mmCIF file of all heavy atoms, coordinates in Angstrom:
data_MODEL
# 
_entry.id   MODEL 
# 
loop_
_atom_site.group_PDB 
_atom_site.id 
_atom_site.type_symbol 
_atom_site.label_atom_id 
_atom_site.label_alt_id 
_atom_site.label_comp_id 
_atom_site.label_asym_id 
_atom_site.label_entity_id 
_atom_site.label_seq_id 
_atom_site.pdbx_PDB_ins_code 
_atom_site.Cartn_x 
_atom_site.Cartn_y 
_atom_site.Cartn_z 
_atom_site.occupancy 
_atom_site.B_iso_or_equiv 
_atom_site.pdbx_formal_charge 
_atom_site.auth_seq_id 
_atom_site.auth_comp_id 
_atom_site.auth_asym_id 
_atom_site.auth_atom_id 
_atom_site.pdbx_PDB_model_num 
ATOM 1   N N   . ILE A 1 1  ? -43.652 17.226 90.477 1.00 0.00 ? 1  ILE A N   1 
ATOM 2   C CA  . ILE A 1 1  ? -44.627 18.351 90.363 1.00 0.00 ? 1  ILE A CA  1 
ATOM 3   C C   . ILE A 1 1  ? -45.708 18.217 91.589 1.00 0.00 ? 1  ILE A C   1 
ATOM 4   O O   . ILE A 1 1  ? -45.960 17.127 92.066 1.00 0.00 ? 1  ILE A O   1 
ATOM 5   C CB  . ILE A 1 1  ? -45.436 18.647 89.079 1.00 0.00 ? 1  ILE A CB  1 
ATOM 6   C CG1 . ILE A 1 1  ? -46.319 17.432 88.861 1.00 0.00 ? 1  ILE A CG1 1 
ATOM 7   C CG2 . ILE A 1 1  ? -44.421 18.797 87.930 1.00 0.00 ? 1  ILE A CG2 1 
ATOM 8   C CD1 . ILE A 1 1  ? -47.228 17.665 87.687 1.00 0.00 ? 1  ILE A CD1 1 
ATOM 9   N N   . GLN A 1 2  ? -46.240 19.382 92.000 1.00 0.00 ? 2  GLN A N   1 
ATOM 10  C CA  . GLN A 1 2  ? -47.411 19.415 92.765 1.00 0.00 ? 2  GLN A CA  1 
ATOM 11  C C   . GLN A 1 2  ? -48.198 20.531 92.245 1.00 0.00 ? 2  GLN A C   1 
ATOM 12  O O   . GLN A 1 2  ? -47.614 21.663 91.987 1.00 0.00 ? 2  GLN A O   1 
ATOM 13  C CB  . GLN A 1 2  ? -46.978 19.647 94.198 1.00 0.00 ? 2  GLN A CB  1 
ATOM 14  C CG  . GLN A 1 2  ? -48.108 19.455 95.251 1.00 0.00 ? 2  GLN A CG  1 
ATOM 15  C CD  . GLN A 1 2  ? -47.439 19.454 96.703 1.00 0.00 ? 2  GLN A CD  1 
ATOM 16  O OE1 . GLN A 1 2  ? -46.324 19.581 96.793 1.00 0.00 ? 2  GLN A OE1 1 
ATOM 17  N NE2 . GLN A 1 2  ? -48.194 19.423 97.577 1.00 0.00 ? 2  GLN A NE2 1 
ATOM 18  N N   . TYR A 1 3  ? -49.531 20.342 92.253 1.00 0.00 ? 3  TYR A N   1 
ATOM 19  C CA  . TYR A 1 3  ? -50.341 21.564 91.583 1.00 0.00 ? 3  TYR A CA  1 
ATOM 20  C C   . TYR A 1 3  ? -51.635 21.664 92.176 1.00 0.00 ? 3  TYR A C   1 
ATOM 21  O O   . TYR A 1 3  ? -52.203 20.711 92.882 1.00 0.00 ? 3  TYR A O   1 
ATOM 22  C CB  . TYR A 1 3  ? -50.377 21.272 90.076 1.00 0.00 ? 3  TYR A CB  1 
ATOM 23  C CG  . TYR A 1 3  ? -51.264 20.272 89.745 1.00 0.00 ? 3  TYR A CG  1 
ATOM 24  C CD1 . TYR A 1 3  ? -52.705 20.357 89.322 1.00 0.00 ? 3  TYR A CD1 1 
ATOM 25  C CD2 . TYR A 1 3  ? -50.880 18.901 89.547 1.00 0.00 ? 3  TYR A CD2 1 
ATOM 26  C CE1 . TYR A 1 3  ? -53.462 19.293 88.874 1.00 0.00 ? 3  TYR A CE1 1 
ATOM 27  C CE2 . TYR A 1 3  ? -51.682 17.849 89.154 1.00 0.00 ? 3  TYR A CE2 1 
ATOM 28  C CZ  . TYR A 1 3  ? -53.004 18.068 88.858 1.00 0.00 ? 3  TYR A CZ  1 
ATOM 29  O OH  . TYR A 1 3  ? -53.651 17.080 88.385 1.00 0.00 ? 3  TYR A OH  1 
ATOM 30  N N   . LYS A 1 4  ? -52.167 22.963 92.061 1.00 0.00 ? 4  LYS A N   1 
ATOM 31  C CA  . LYS A 1 4  ? -53.526 23.206 92.460 1.00 0.00 ? 4  LYS A CA  1 
ATOM 32  C C   . LYS A 1 4  ? -54.287 23.810 91.200 1.00 0.00 ? 4  LYS A C   1 
ATOM 33  O O   . LYS A 1 4  ? -53.746 24.723 90.628 1.00 0.00 ? 4  LYS A O   1 
ATOM 34  C CB  . LYS A 1 4  ? -53.491 24.356 93.542 1.00 0.00 ? 4  LYS A CB  1 
ATOM 35  C CG  . LYS A 1 4  ? -53.054 23.740 94.839 1.00 0.00 ? 4  LYS A CG  1 
ATOM 36  C CD  . LYS A 1 4  ? -53.080 24.699 95.922 1.00 0.00 ? 4  LYS A CD  1 
ATOM 37  C CE  . LYS A 1 4  ? -52.331 24.289 97.186 1.00 0.00 ? 4  LYS A CE  1 
ATOM 38  N NZ  . LYS A 1 4  ? -52.365 25.184 98.281 1.00 0.00 ? 4  LYS A NZ  1 
ATOM 39  N N   . LEU A 1 5  ? -55.448 23.290 90.905 1.00 0.00 ? 5  LEU A N   1 
ATOM 40  C CA  . LEU A 1 5  ? -56.263 23.681 89.634 1.00 0.00 ? 5  LEU A CA  1 
ATOM 41  C C   . LEU A 1 5  ? -57.394 24.496 90.208 1.00 0.00 ? 5  LEU A C   1 
ATOM 42  O O   . LEU A 1 5  ? -58.115 24.089 91.170 1.00 0.00 ? 5  LEU A O   1 
ATOM 43  C CB  . LEU A 1 5  ? -56.619 22.454 88.920 1.00 0.00 ? 5  LEU A CB  1 
ATOM 44  C CG  . LEU A 1 5  ? -57.461 22.636 87.735 1.00 0.00 ? 5  LEU A CG  1 
ATOM 45  C CD1 . LEU A 1 5  ? -56.719 23.246 86.590 1.00 0.00 ? 5  LEU A CD1 1 
ATOM 46  C CD2 . LEU A 1 5  ? -58.040 21.274 87.237 1.00 0.00 ? 5  LEU A CD2 1 
ATOM 47  N N   . TYR A 1 6  ? -57.541 25.777 89.635 1.00 0.00 ? 6  TYR A N   1 
ATOM 48  C CA  . TYR A 1 6  ? -58.699 26.589 89.916 1.00 0.00 ? 6  TYR A CA  1 
ATOM 49  C C   . TYR A 1 6  ? -59.572 26.833 88.673 1.00 0.00 ? 6  TYR A C   1 
ATOM 50  O O   . TYR A 1 6  ? -59.026 26.779 87.633 1.00 0.00 ? 6  TYR A O   1 
ATOM 51  C CB  . TYR A 1 6  ? -58.093 27.929 90.353 1.00 0.00 ? 6  TYR A CB  1 
ATOM 52  C CG  . TYR A 1 6  ? -57.312 27.882 91.640 1.00 0.00 ? 6  TYR A CG  1 
ATOM 53  C CD1 . TYR A 1 6  ? -55.928 27.671 91.551 1.00 0.00 ? 6  TYR A CD1 1 
ATOM 54  C CD2 . TYR A 1 6  ? -57.906 28.048 92.821 1.00 0.00 ? 6  TYR A CD2 1 
ATOM 55  C CE1 . TYR A 1 6  ? -55.077 27.584 92.759 1.00 0.00 ? 6  TYR A CE1 1 
ATOM 56  C CE2 . TYR A 1 6  ? -57.123 27.978 94.047 1.00 0.00 ? 6  TYR A CE2 1 
ATOM 57  C CZ  . TYR A 1 6  ? -55.732 27.699 93.839 1.00 0.00 ? 6  TYR A CZ  1 
ATOM 58  O OH  . TYR A 1 6  ? -54.890 27.747 95.080 1.00 0.00 ? 6  TYR A OH  1 
ATOM 59  N N   . ARG A 1 7  ? -60.815 27.082 88.933 1.00 0.00 ? 7  ARG A N   1 
ATOM 60  C CA  . ARG A 1 7  ? -61.768 27.511 87.978 1.00 0.00 ? 7  ARG A CA  1 
ATOM 61  C C   . ARG A 1 7  ? -62.690 28.675 88.634 1.00 0.00 ? 7  ARG A C   1 
ATOM 62  O O   . ARG A 1 7  ? -63.284 28.420 89.629 1.00 0.00 ? 7  ARG A O   1 
ATOM 63  C CB  . ARG A 1 7  ? -62.695 26.297 87.655 1.00 0.00 ? 7  ARG A CB  1 
ATOM 64  C CG  . ARG A 1 7  ? -63.755 26.749 86.403 1.00 0.00 ? 7  ARG A CG  1 
ATOM 65  C CD  . ARG A 1 7  ? -64.539 25.562 85.934 1.00 0.00 ? 7  ARG A CD  1 
ATOM 66  N NE  . ARG A 1 7  ? -65.132 24.722 86.954 1.00 0.00 ? 7  ARG A NE  1 
ATOM 67  C CZ  . ARG A 1 7  ? -64.836 23.502 87.015 1.00 0.00 ? 7  ARG A CZ  1 
ATOM 68  N NH1 . ARG A 1 7  ? -64.143 22.917 86.305 1.00 0.00 ? 7  ARG A NH1 1 
ATOM 69  N NH2 . ARG A 1 7  ? -65.475 22.788 88.118 1.00 0.00 ? 7  ARG A NH2 1 
ATOM 70  N N   . GLY A 1 8  ? -62.485 29.755 87.936 1.00 0.00 ? 8  GLY A N   1 
ATOM 71  C CA  . GLY A 1 8  ? -63.191 30.987 88.468 1.00 0.00 ? 8  GLY A CA  1 
ATOM 72  C C   . GLY A 1 8  ? -62.809 31.410 89.885 1.00 0.00 ? 8  GLY A C   1 
ATOM 73  O O   . GLY A 1 8  ? -63.699 31.824 90.641 1.00 0.00 ? 8  GLY A O   1 
ATOM 74  N N   . GLY A 1 9  ? -61.642 31.128 90.243 1.00 0.00 ? 9  GLY A N   1 
ATOM 75  C CA  . GLY A 1 9  ? -61.120 31.443 91.513 1.00 0.00 ? 9  GLY A CA  1 
ATOM 76  C C   . GLY A 1 9  ? -61.282 30.435 92.577 1.00 0.00 ? 9  GLY A C   1 
ATOM 77  O O   . GLY A 1 9  ? -60.749 30.552 93.589 1.00 0.00 ? 9  GLY A O   1 
ATOM 78  N N   . ALA A 1 10 ? -62.118 29.377 92.260 1.00 0.00 ? 10 ALA A N   1 
ATOM 79  C CA  . ALA A 1 10 ? -62.422 28.355 93.169 1.00 0.00 ? 10 ALA A CA  1 
ATOM 80  C C   . ALA A 1 10 ? -61.449 27.191 93.015 1.00 0.00 ? 10 ALA A C   1 
ATOM 81  O O   . ALA A 1 10 ? -61.192 26.710 91.827 1.00 0.00 ? 10 ALA A O   1 
ATOM 82  C CB  . ALA A 1 10 ? -63.785 27.818 93.198 1.00 0.00 ? 10 ALA A CB  1 
ATOM 83  N N   . LEU A 1 11 ? -60.951 26.545 94.117 1.00 0.00 ? 11 LEU A N   1 
ATOM 84  C CA  . LEU A 1 11 ? -60.219 25.348 93.965 1.00 0.00 ? 11 LEU A CA  1 
ATOM 85  C C   . LEU A 1 11 ? -60.861 24.139 93.651 1.00 0.00 ? 11 LEU A C   1 
ATOM 86  O O   . LEU A 1 11 ? -61.869 23.873 94.170 1.00 0.00 ? 11 LEU A O   1 
ATOM 87  C CB  . LEU A 1 11 ? -59.456 25.092 95.352 1.00 0.00 ? 11 LEU A CB  1 
ATOM 88  C CG  . LEU A 1 11 ? -58.511 23.987 95.357 1.00 0.00 ? 11 LEU A CG  1 
ATOM 89  C CD1 . LEU A 1 11 ? -57.292 24.174 94.491 1.00 0.00 ? 11 LEU A CD1 1 
ATOM 90  C CD2 . LEU A 1 11 ? -58.051 23.652 96.876 1.00 0.00 ? 11 LEU A CD2 1 
ATOM 91  N N   . VAL A 1 12 ? -60.464 23.564 92.490 1.00 0.00 ? 12 VAL A N   1 
ATOM 92  C CA  . VAL A 1 12 ? -61.141 22.407 91.781 1.00 0.00 ? 12 VAL A CA  1 
ATOM 93  C C   . VAL A 1 12 ? -60.449 21.092 92.377 1.00 0.00 ? 12 VAL A C   1 
ATOM 94  O O   . VAL A 1 12 ? -61.027 20.059 92.655 1.00 0.00 ? 12 VAL A O   1 
ATOM 95  C CB  . VAL A 1 12 ? -61.230 22.497 90.262 1.00 0.00 ? 12 VAL A CB  1 
ATOM 96  C CG1 . VAL A 1 12 ? -61.789 21.257 89.674 1.00 0.00 ? 12 VAL A CG1 1 
ATOM 97  C CG2 . VAL A 1 12 ? -61.848 23.785 89.802 1.00 0.00 ? 12 VAL A CG2 1 
ATOM 98  N N   . TYR A 1 13 ? -59.002 21.191 92.253 1.00 0.00 ? 13 TYR A N   1 
ATOM 99  C CA  . TYR A 1 13 ? -58.259 19.980 92.600 1.00 0.00 ? 13 TYR A CA  1 
ATOM 100 C C   . TYR A 1 13 ? -56.911 20.431 93.138 1.00 0.00 ? 13 TYR A C   1 
ATOM 101 O O   . TYR A 1 13 ? -56.384 21.330 92.665 1.00 0.00 ? 13 TYR A O   1 
ATOM 102 C CB  . TYR A 1 13 ? -58.097 19.151 91.396 1.00 0.00 ? 13 TYR A CB  1 
ATOM 103 C CG  . TYR A 1 13 ? -57.263 17.944 91.610 1.00 0.00 ? 13 TYR A CG  1 
ATOM 104 C CD1 . TYR A 1 13 ? -57.766 16.796 92.337 1.00 0.00 ? 13 TYR A CD1 1 
ATOM 105 C CD2 . TYR A 1 13 ? -55.930 17.798 91.193 1.00 0.00 ? 13 TYR A CD2 1 
ATOM 106 C CE1 . TYR A 1 13 ? -56.996 15.686 92.671 1.00 0.00 ? 13 TYR A CE1 1 
ATOM 107 C CE2 . TYR A 1 13 ? -55.146 16.625 91.557 1.00 0.00 ? 13 TYR A CE2 1 
ATOM 108 C CZ  . TYR A 1 13 ? -55.762 15.629 92.184 1.00 0.00 ? 13 TYR A CZ  1 
ATOM 109 O OH  . TYR A 1 13 ? -54.903 14.474 92.327 1.00 0.00 ? 13 TYR A OH  1 
ATOM 110 N N   . SER A 1 14 ? -56.396 19.725 94.111 1.00 0.00 ? 14 SER A N   1 
ATOM 111 C CA  . SER A 1 14 ? -55.034 19.926 94.760 1.00 0.00 ? 14 SER A CA  1 
ATOM 112 C C   . SER A 1 14 ? -54.308 18.469 94.741 1.00 0.00 ? 14 SER A C   1 
ATOM 113 O O   . SER A 1 14 ? -54.813 17.535 95.323 1.00 0.00 ? 14 SER A O   1 
ATOM 114 C CB  . SER A 1 14 ? -55.156 20.468 96.089 1.00 0.00 ? 14 SER A CB  1 
ATOM 115 O OG  . SER A 1 14 ? -53.954 20.671 96.820 1.00 0.00 ? 14 SER A OG  1 
ATOM 116 N N   . SER A 1 15 ? -53.314 18.417 94.046 1.00 0.00 ? 15 SER A N   1 
ATOM 117 C CA  . SER A 1 15 ? -52.476 17.104 93.925 1.00 0.00 ? 15 SER A CA  1 
ATOM 118 C C   . SER A 1 15 ? -51.603 17.018 95.115 1.00 0.00 ? 15 SER A C   1 
ATOM 119 O O   . SER A 1 15 ? -51.166 17.920 95.730 1.00 0.00 ? 15 SER A O   1 
ATOM 120 C CB  . SER A 1 15 ? -51.728 17.079 92.607 1.00 0.00 ? 15 SER A CB  1 
ATOM 121 O OG  . SER A 1 15 ? -50.568 17.744 92.692 1.00 0.00 ? 15 SER A OG  1 
ATOM 122 N N   . GLY A 1 16 ? -51.138 15.784 95.204 1.00 0.00 ? 16 GLY A N   1 
ATOM 123 C CA  . GLY A 1 16 ? -50.052 15.443 96.152 1.00 0.00 ? 16 GLY A CA  1 
ATOM 124 C C   . GLY A 1 16 ? -48.668 15.693 95.409 1.00 0.00 ? 16 GLY A C   1 
ATOM 125 O O   . GLY A 1 16 ? -48.773 16.110 94.285 1.00 0.00 ? 16 GLY A O   1 
ATOM 126 N N   . HIS A 1 17 ? -47.645 15.127 96.046 1.00 0.00 ? 17 HIS A N   1 
ATOM 127 C CA  . HIS A 1 17 ? -46.288 15.213 95.390 1.00 0.00 ? 17 HIS A CA  1 
ATOM 128 C C   . HIS A 1 17 ? -46.353 14.096 94.331 1.00 0.00 ? 17 HIS A C   1 
ATOM 129 O O   . HIS A 1 17 ? -46.589 12.995 94.590 1.00 0.00 ? 17 HIS A O   1 
ATOM 130 C CB  . HIS A 1 17 ? -45.258 14.875 96.501 1.00 0.00 ? 17 HIS A CB  1 
ATOM 131 C CG  . HIS A 1 17 ? -43.950 15.123 95.977 1.00 0.00 ? 17 HIS A CG  1 
ATOM 132 N ND1 . HIS A 1 17 ? -43.120 14.085 95.428 1.00 0.00 ? 17 HIS A ND1 1 
ATOM 133 C CD2 . HIS A 1 17 ? -43.087 16.154 96.104 1.00 0.00 ? 17 HIS A CD2 1 
ATOM 134 C CE1 . HIS A 1 17 ? -41.976 14.589 95.185 1.00 0.00 ? 17 HIS A CE1 1 
ATOM 135 N NE2 . HIS A 1 17 ? -41.894 15.811 95.564 1.00 0.00 ? 17 HIS A NE2 1 
ATOM 136 N N   . LEU A 1 18 ? -46.060 14.482 93.118 1.00 0.00 ? 18 LEU A N   1 
ATOM 137 C CA  . LEU A 1 18 ? -46.081 13.501 91.954 1.00 0.00 ? 18 LEU A CA  1 
ATOM 138 C C   . LEU A 1 18 ? -44.743 13.452 91.160 1.00 0.00 ? 18 LEU A C   1 
ATOM 139 O O   . LEU A 1 18 ? -44.181 14.460 90.980 1.00 0.00 ? 18 LEU A O   1 
ATOM 140 C CB  . LEU A 1 18 ? -47.113 13.891 90.949 1.00 0.00 ? 18 LEU A CB  1 
ATOM 141 C CG  . LEU A 1 18 ? -48.661 14.013 91.492 1.00 0.00 ? 18 LEU A CG  1 
ATOM 142 C CD1 . LEU A 1 18 ? -49.541 14.821 90.421 1.00 0.00 ? 18 LEU A CD1 1 
ATOM 143 C CD2 . LEU A 1 18 ? -49.221 12.743 91.834 1.00 0.00 ? 18 LEU A CD2 1 
ATOM 144 N N   . GLU A 1 19 ? -44.333 12.332 90.797 1.00 0.00 ? 19 GLU A N   1 
ATOM 145 C CA  . GLU A 1 19 ? -43.182 12.112 90.036 1.00 0.00 ? 19 GLU A CA  1 
ATOM 146 C C   . GLU A 1 19 ? -43.463 12.489 88.545 1.00 0.00 ? 19 GLU A C   1 
ATOM 147 O O   . GLU A 1 19 ? -44.259 11.847 87.999 1.00 0.00 ? 19 GLU A O   1 
ATOM 148 C CB  . GLU A 1 19 ? -42.684 10.743 90.155 1.00 0.00 ? 19 GLU A CB  1 
ATOM 149 C CG  . GLU A 1 19 ? -41.317 10.392 89.386 1.00 0.00 ? 19 GLU A CG  1 
ATOM 150 C CD  . GLU A 1 19 ? -40.852 9.040  89.527 1.00 0.00 ? 19 GLU A CD  1 
ATOM 151 O OE1 . GLU A 1 19 ? -41.329 8.301  90.431 1.00 0.00 ? 19 GLU A OE1 1 
ATOM 152 O OE2 . GLU A 1 19 ? -40.171 8.608  88.597 1.00 0.00 ? 19 GLU A OE2 1 
ATOM 153 N N   . LEU A 1 20 ? -42.605 13.368 88.073 1.00 0.00 ? 20 LEU A N   1 
ATOM 154 C CA  . LEU A 1 20 ? -42.901 13.736 86.640 1.00 0.00 ? 20 LEU A CA  1 
ATOM 155 C C   . LEU A 1 20 ? -42.251 12.673 85.730 1.00 0.00 ? 20 LEU A C   1 
ATOM 156 O O   . LEU A 1 20 ? -41.110 12.279 85.738 1.00 0.00 ? 20 LEU A O   1 
ATOM 157 C CB  . LEU A 1 20 ? -42.235 15.047 86.359 1.00 0.00 ? 20 LEU A CB  1 
ATOM 158 C CG  . LEU A 1 20 ? -42.607 15.624 84.875 1.00 0.00 ? 20 LEU A CG  1 
ATOM 159 C CD1 . LEU A 1 20 ? -44.096 15.961 84.792 1.00 0.00 ? 20 LEU A CD1 1 
ATOM 160 C CD2 . LEU A 1 20 ? -41.861 16.873 84.816 1.00 0.00 ? 20 LEU A CD2 1 
ATOM 161 N N   . ARG A 1 21 ? -43.265 12.012 84.882 1.00 0.00 ? 21 ARG A N   1 
ATOM 162 C CA  . ARG A 1 21 ? -42.734 10.965 84.076 1.00 0.00 ? 21 ARG A CA  1 
ATOM 163 C C   . ARG A 1 21 ? -42.428 11.342 82.587 1.00 0.00 ? 21 ARG A C   1 
ATOM 164 O O   . ARG A 1 21 ? -41.631 10.781 81.912 1.00 0.00 ? 21 ARG A O   1 
ATOM 165 C CB  . ARG A 1 21 ? -43.839 9.829  84.057 1.00 0.00 ? 21 ARG A CB  1 
ATOM 166 C CG  . ARG A 1 21 ? -44.147 9.237  85.393 1.00 0.00 ? 21 ARG A CG  1 
ATOM 167 C CD  . ARG A 1 21 ? -45.349 8.378  85.407 1.00 0.00 ? 21 ARG A CD  1 
ATOM 168 N NE  . ARG A 1 21 ? -45.220 7.177  84.519 1.00 0.00 ? 21 ARG A NE  1 
ATOM 169 C CZ  . ARG A 1 21 ? -44.841 6.025  84.830 1.00 0.00 ? 21 ARG A CZ  1 
ATOM 170 N NH1 . ARG A 1 21 ? -44.656 5.719  86.040 1.00 0.00 ? 21 ARG A NH1 1 
ATOM 171 N NH2 . ARG A 1 21 ? -44.937 5.048  83.829 1.00 0.00 ? 21 ARG A NH2 1 
ATOM 172 N N   . GLU A 1 22 ? -43.337 12.342 82.175 1.00 0.00 ? 22 GLU A N   1 
ATOM 173 C CA  . GLU A 1 22 ? -43.192 12.642 80.741 1.00 0.00 ? 22 GLU A CA  1 
ATOM 174 C C   . GLU A 1 22 ? -43.570 14.159 80.489 1.00 0.00 ? 22 GLU A C   1 
ATOM 175 O O   . GLU A 1 22 ? -44.683 14.576 81.113 1.00 0.00 ? 22 GLU A O   1 
ATOM 176 C CB  . GLU A 1 22 ? -43.954 11.720 79.779 1.00 0.00 ? 22 GLU A CB  1 
ATOM 177 C CG  . GLU A 1 22 ? -44.014 12.057 78.354 1.00 0.00 ? 22 GLU A CG  1 
ATOM 178 C CD  . GLU A 1 22 ? -44.898 11.073 77.628 1.00 0.00 ? 22 GLU A CD  1 
ATOM 179 O OE1 . GLU A 1 22 ? -45.983 10.719 78.120 1.00 0.00 ? 22 GLU A OE1 1 
ATOM 180 O OE2 . GLU A 1 22 ? -44.527 10.812 76.448 1.00 0.00 ? 22 GLU A OE2 1 
ATOM 181 N N   . THR A 1 23 ? -43.047 14.836 79.569 1.00 0.00 ? 23 THR A N   1 
ATOM 182 C CA  . THR A 1 23 ? -43.546 16.072 79.033 1.00 0.00 ? 23 THR A CA  1 
ATOM 183 C C   . THR A 1 23 ? -43.514 16.019 77.523 1.00 0.00 ? 23 THR A C   1 
ATOM 184 O O   . THR A 1 23 ? -42.582 15.645 77.012 1.00 0.00 ? 23 THR A O   1 
ATOM 185 C CB  . THR A 1 23 ? -42.416 17.270 79.552 1.00 0.00 ? 23 THR A CB  1 
ATOM 186 O OG1 . THR A 1 23 ? -42.362 17.295 80.925 1.00 0.00 ? 23 THR A OG1 1 
ATOM 187 C CG2 . THR A 1 23 ? -43.143 18.654 79.138 1.00 0.00 ? 23 THR A CG2 1 
ATOM 188 N N   . ARG A 1 24 ? -44.667 16.251 76.967 1.00 0.00 ? 24 ARG A N   1 
ATOM 189 C CA  . ARG A 1 24 ? -44.897 16.205 75.498 1.00 0.00 ? 24 ARG A CA  1 
ATOM 190 C C   . ARG A 1 24 ? -45.850 17.200 75.078 1.00 0.00 ? 24 ARG A C   1 
ATOM 191 O O   . ARG A 1 24 ? -46.497 17.862 75.851 1.00 0.00 ? 24 ARG A O   1 
ATOM 192 C CB  . ARG A 1 24 ? -45.284 14.769 75.163 1.00 0.00 ? 24 ARG A CB  1 
ATOM 193 C CG  . ARG A 1 24 ? -46.653 14.340 75.718 1.00 0.00 ? 24 ARG A CG  1 
ATOM 194 C CD  . ARG A 1 24 ? -47.064 12.928 75.292 1.00 0.00 ? 24 ARG A CD  1 
ATOM 195 N NE  . ARG A 1 24 ? -48.154 12.585 76.003 1.00 0.00 ? 24 ARG A NE  1 
ATOM 196 C CZ  . ARG A 1 24 ? -49.399 12.849 75.880 1.00 0.00 ? 24 ARG A CZ  1 
ATOM 197 N NH1 . ARG A 1 24 ? -49.724 13.700 74.765 1.00 0.00 ? 24 ARG A NH1 1 
ATOM 198 N NH2 . ARG A 1 24 ? -50.505 12.405 76.462 1.00 0.00 ? 24 ARG A NH2 1 
ATOM 199 N N   . ARG A 1 25 ? -46.056 17.292 73.724 1.00 0.00 ? 25 ARG A N   1 
ATOM 200 C CA  . ARG A 1 25 ? -47.035 18.110 73.022 1.00 0.00 ? 25 ARG A CA  1 
ATOM 201 C C   . ARG A 1 25 ? -48.232 17.204 72.627 1.00 0.00 ? 25 ARG A C   1 
ATOM 202 O O   . ARG A 1 25 ? -47.892 16.156 72.071 1.00 0.00 ? 25 ARG A O   1 
ATOM 203 C CB  . ARG A 1 25 ? -46.422 18.771 71.856 1.00 0.00 ? 25 ARG A CB  1 
ATOM 204 C CG  . ARG A 1 25 ? -45.283 19.789 72.233 1.00 0.00 ? 25 ARG A CG  1 
ATOM 205 C CD  . ARG A 1 25 ? -46.049 21.067 72.440 1.00 0.00 ? 25 ARG A CD  1 
ATOM 206 N NE  . ARG A 1 25 ? -44.946 22.059 72.871 1.00 0.00 ? 25 ARG A NE  1 
ATOM 207 C CZ  . ARG A 1 25 ? -45.051 23.130 73.331 1.00 0.00 ? 25 ARG A CZ  1 
ATOM 208 N NH1 . ARG A 1 25 ? -46.431 23.585 73.601 1.00 0.00 ? 25 ARG A NH1 1 
ATOM 209 N NH2 . ARG A 1 25 ? -44.268 24.021 73.652 1.00 0.00 ? 25 ARG A NH2 1 
# 
């Protein structure tokens, strides 16, 4: 995955290329 996190339309964080290790609840 790679992602960009926004709050109120402003960019808060932008990740690099990440290996997905786990998906859980």
